Amino acid sequence: MLAQETPLLVSSTDTATLCTAMVEPEAALSDAPVYAPQAAGVLLLLALLSPKEPKEPKDK
């Protein structure tokens, strides 16, 4: 036989620990970036109001 069957040795405490870890809630706050639709308007406004590039002086 190529594949050997090995019995799983799992106790009830291991099962309880695993179930507790799977049901544990996520943190209320995280460091993940959050989509903010009003930020797009602010960035567009700042881009439109930003100063223009200075022009090269013309030689006389």
N, C-alpha and C. Protein backbone atom coordinates (compact mmCIF):
# COMPACT_ATOMS: atom_id res chain seq x y z
N MET A 1 0.85 -1.16 0.00
CA MET A 1 0.00 0.00 0.00
C MET A 1 0.90 1.24 0.00
N LEU A 2 0.61 2.19 -0.89
CA LEU A 2 1.44 3.39 -1.01
C LEU A 2 1.19 4.40 0.09
N ALA A 3 -0.03 4.62 0.42
CA ALA A 3 -0.36 5.61 1.45
C ALA A 3 -0.73 4.90 2.74
N GLN A 4 -0.10 5.31 3.81
CA GLN A 4 -0.42 4.70 5.09
C GLN A 4 -1.48 5.55 5.79
N GLU A 5 -2.41 4.88 6.40
CA GLU A 5 -3.44 5.58 7.16
C GLU A 5 -2.99 5.68 8.60
N THR A 6 -2.97 6.92 9.13
CA THR A 6 -2.60 7.12 10.52
C THR A 6 -3.81 7.70 11.26
N PRO A 7 -4.11 7.16 12.41
CA PRO A 7 -5.25 7.69 13.17
C PRO A 7 -4.92 9.07 13.74
N LEU A 8 -5.92 9.95 13.76
CA LEU A 8 -5.75 11.28 14.34
C LEU A 8 -5.92 11.20 15.85
N LEU A 9 -4.98 11.78 16.54
CA LEU A 9 -5.04 11.78 18.00
C LEU A 9 -5.40 13.18 18.47
N VAL A 10 -6.68 13.46 18.55
CA VAL A 10 -7.16 14.78 18.94
C VAL A 10 -7.99 14.62 20.20
N SER A 11 -7.61 15.38 21.22
CA SER A 11 -8.36 15.30 22.47
C SER A 11 -9.49 16.33 22.46
N SER A 12 -10.35 16.24 23.45
CA SER A 12 -11.48 17.18 23.52
C SER A 12 -11.00 18.59 23.85
N THR A 13 -9.90 18.71 24.59
CA THR A 13 -9.37 20.06 24.89
C THR A 13 -8.80 20.69 23.63
N ASP A 14 -8.19 19.91 22.76
CA ASP A 14 -7.68 20.45 21.50
C ASP A 14 -8.84 20.93 20.63
N THR A 15 -9.90 20.17 20.61
CA THR A 15 -11.08 20.55 19.82
C THR A 15 -11.69 21.83 20.38
N ALA A 16 -11.79 21.94 21.70
CA ALA A 16 -12.36 23.13 22.33
C ALA A 16 -11.50 24.36 22.06
N THR A 17 -10.19 24.19 22.13
CA THR A 17 -9.27 25.30 21.86
C THR A 17 -9.39 25.76 20.41
N LEU A 18 -9.50 24.84 19.50
CA LEU A 18 -9.65 25.16 18.09
C LEU A 18 -10.97 25.89 17.83
N CYS A 19 -12.05 25.42 18.43
CA CYS A 19 -13.35 26.07 18.26
C CYS A 19 -13.34 27.48 18.83
N THR A 20 -12.68 27.68 19.97
CA THR A 20 -12.58 29.00 20.57
C THR A 20 -11.81 29.95 19.65
N ALA A 21 -10.75 29.48 19.07
CA ALA A 21 -9.95 30.33 18.17
C ALA A 21 -10.71 30.68 16.90
N MET A 22 -11.55 29.77 16.43
CA MET A 22 -12.31 30.03 15.21
C MET A 22 -13.46 31.00 15.44
N VAL A 23 -14.01 31.05 16.66
CA VAL A 23 -15.16 31.89 16.96
C VAL A 23 -14.73 33.25 17.49
N GLU A 24 -13.46 33.44 17.80
CA GLU A 24 -12.98 34.68 18.39
C GLU A 24 -13.27 35.86 17.46
N PRO A 25 -13.89 36.92 17.97
CA PRO A 25 -14.25 38.06 17.12
C PRO A 25 -13.01 38.86 16.71
N GLU A 26 -13.17 39.60 15.61
CA GLU A 26 -12.08 40.45 15.14
C GLU A 26 -12.02 41.71 15.98
N ALA A 27 -10.90 42.39 15.92
CA ALA A 27 -10.74 43.64 16.65
C ALA A 27 -11.67 44.70 16.06
N ALA A 28 -12.19 45.58 16.92
CA ALA A 28 -13.10 46.63 16.47
C ALA A 28 -12.36 47.65 15.61
N LEU A 29 -11.12 47.95 15.93
CA LEU A 29 -10.33 48.91 15.18
C LEU A 29 -9.12 48.21 14.58
N SER A 30 -8.75 48.64 13.39
CA SER A 30 -7.56 48.07 12.77
C SER A 30 -6.81 49.18 12.05
N ASP A 31 -5.62 48.88 11.60
CA ASP A 31 -4.80 49.86 10.89
C ASP A 31 -5.02 49.80 9.39
N ALA A 32 -6.00 49.04 8.96
CA ALA A 32 -6.24 48.91 7.53
C ALA A 32 -6.81 50.22 6.97
N PRO A 33 -6.39 50.60 5.75
CA PRO A 33 -6.95 51.81 5.16
C PRO A 33 -8.44 51.63 4.86
N VAL A 34 -9.19 52.68 5.08
CA VAL A 34 -10.63 52.62 4.88
C VAL A 34 -11.00 53.54 3.72
N TYR A 35 -11.90 53.10 2.87
CA TYR A 35 -12.33 53.90 1.73
C TYR A 35 -13.12 55.10 2.23
N ALA A 36 -12.73 56.28 1.79
CA ALA A 36 -13.44 57.51 2.15
C ALA A 36 -13.74 58.27 0.87
N PRO A 37 -14.98 58.26 0.38
CA PRO A 37 -15.30 58.90 -0.89
C PRO A 37 -15.07 60.41 -0.86
N GLN A 38 -15.22 61.07 0.28
CA GLN A 38 -15.00 62.50 0.34
C GLN A 38 -13.52 62.86 0.15
N ALA A 39 -12.62 61.92 0.38
CA ALA A 39 -11.19 62.18 0.21
C ALA A 39 -10.85 62.41 -1.26
N ALA A 40 -11.55 61.77 -2.18
CA ALA A 40 -11.27 61.95 -3.60
C ALA A 40 -11.56 63.38 -4.02
N GLY A 41 -12.64 63.96 -3.52
CA GLY A 41 -12.98 65.34 -3.84
C GLY A 41 -11.96 66.31 -3.28
N VAL A 42 -11.48 66.04 -2.07
CA VAL A 42 -10.47 66.91 -1.46
C VAL A 42 -9.18 66.85 -2.25
N LEU A 43 -8.77 65.66 -2.67
CA LEU A 43 -7.53 65.54 -3.44
C LEU A 43 -7.65 66.24 -4.79
N LEU A 44 -8.80 66.13 -5.42
CA LEU A 44 -9.01 66.81 -6.70
C LEU A 44 -8.98 68.32 -6.50
N LEU A 45 -9.61 68.81 -5.47
CA LEU A 45 -9.60 70.24 -5.17
C LEU A 45 -8.19 70.74 -4.90
N LEU A 46 -7.41 70.00 -4.15
CA LEU A 46 -6.03 70.40 -3.87
C LEU A 46 -5.18 70.39 -5.14
N ALA A 47 -5.43 69.45 -6.03
CA ALA A 47 -4.68 69.40 -7.28
C ALA A 47 -5.02 70.60 -8.16
N LEU A 48 -6.28 71.00 -8.17
CA LEU A 48 -6.68 72.15 -8.98
C LEU A 48 -6.21 73.47 -8.39
N LEU A 49 -6.10 73.55 -7.08
CA LEU A 49 -5.69 74.79 -6.43
C LEU A 49 -4.19 74.89 -6.21
N SER A 50 -3.45 73.86 -6.53
CA SER A 50 -2.01 73.89 -6.31
C SER A 50 -1.37 74.91 -7.24
N PRO A 51 -0.27 75.54 -6.81
CA PRO A 51 0.38 76.55 -7.65
C PRO A 51 0.92 75.94 -8.93
N LYS A 52 0.93 76.74 -9.99
CA LYS A 52 1.42 76.27 -11.29
C LYS A 52 2.95 76.22 -11.27
N GLU A 53 3.52 75.51 -12.23
CA GLU A 53 4.97 75.45 -12.34
C GLU A 53 5.50 76.81 -12.75
N PRO A 54 6.63 77.23 -12.18
CA PRO A 54 7.20 78.51 -12.61
C PRO A 54 7.73 78.40 -14.04
N LYS A 55 7.54 79.47 -14.79
CA LYS A 55 8.00 79.47 -16.17
C LYS A 55 9.46 79.92 -16.21
N GLU A 56 10.17 79.42 -17.20
CA GLU A 56 11.57 79.80 -17.40
C GLU A 56 11.62 81.27 -17.85
N PRO A 57 12.54 82.05 -17.30
CA PRO A 57 12.65 83.44 -17.76
C PRO A 57 13.15 83.48 -19.21
N LYS A 58 12.59 84.39 -19.99
CA LYS A 58 13.01 84.53 -21.39
C LYS A 58 14.26 85.38 -21.45
N ASP A 59 15.18 85.02 -22.32
CA ASP A 59 16.40 85.82 -22.50
C ASP A 59 16.05 87.05 -23.33
N LYS A 60 16.64 88.19 -22.97
CA LYS A 60 16.39 89.43 -23.71
C LYS A 60 17.30 89.59 -24.87
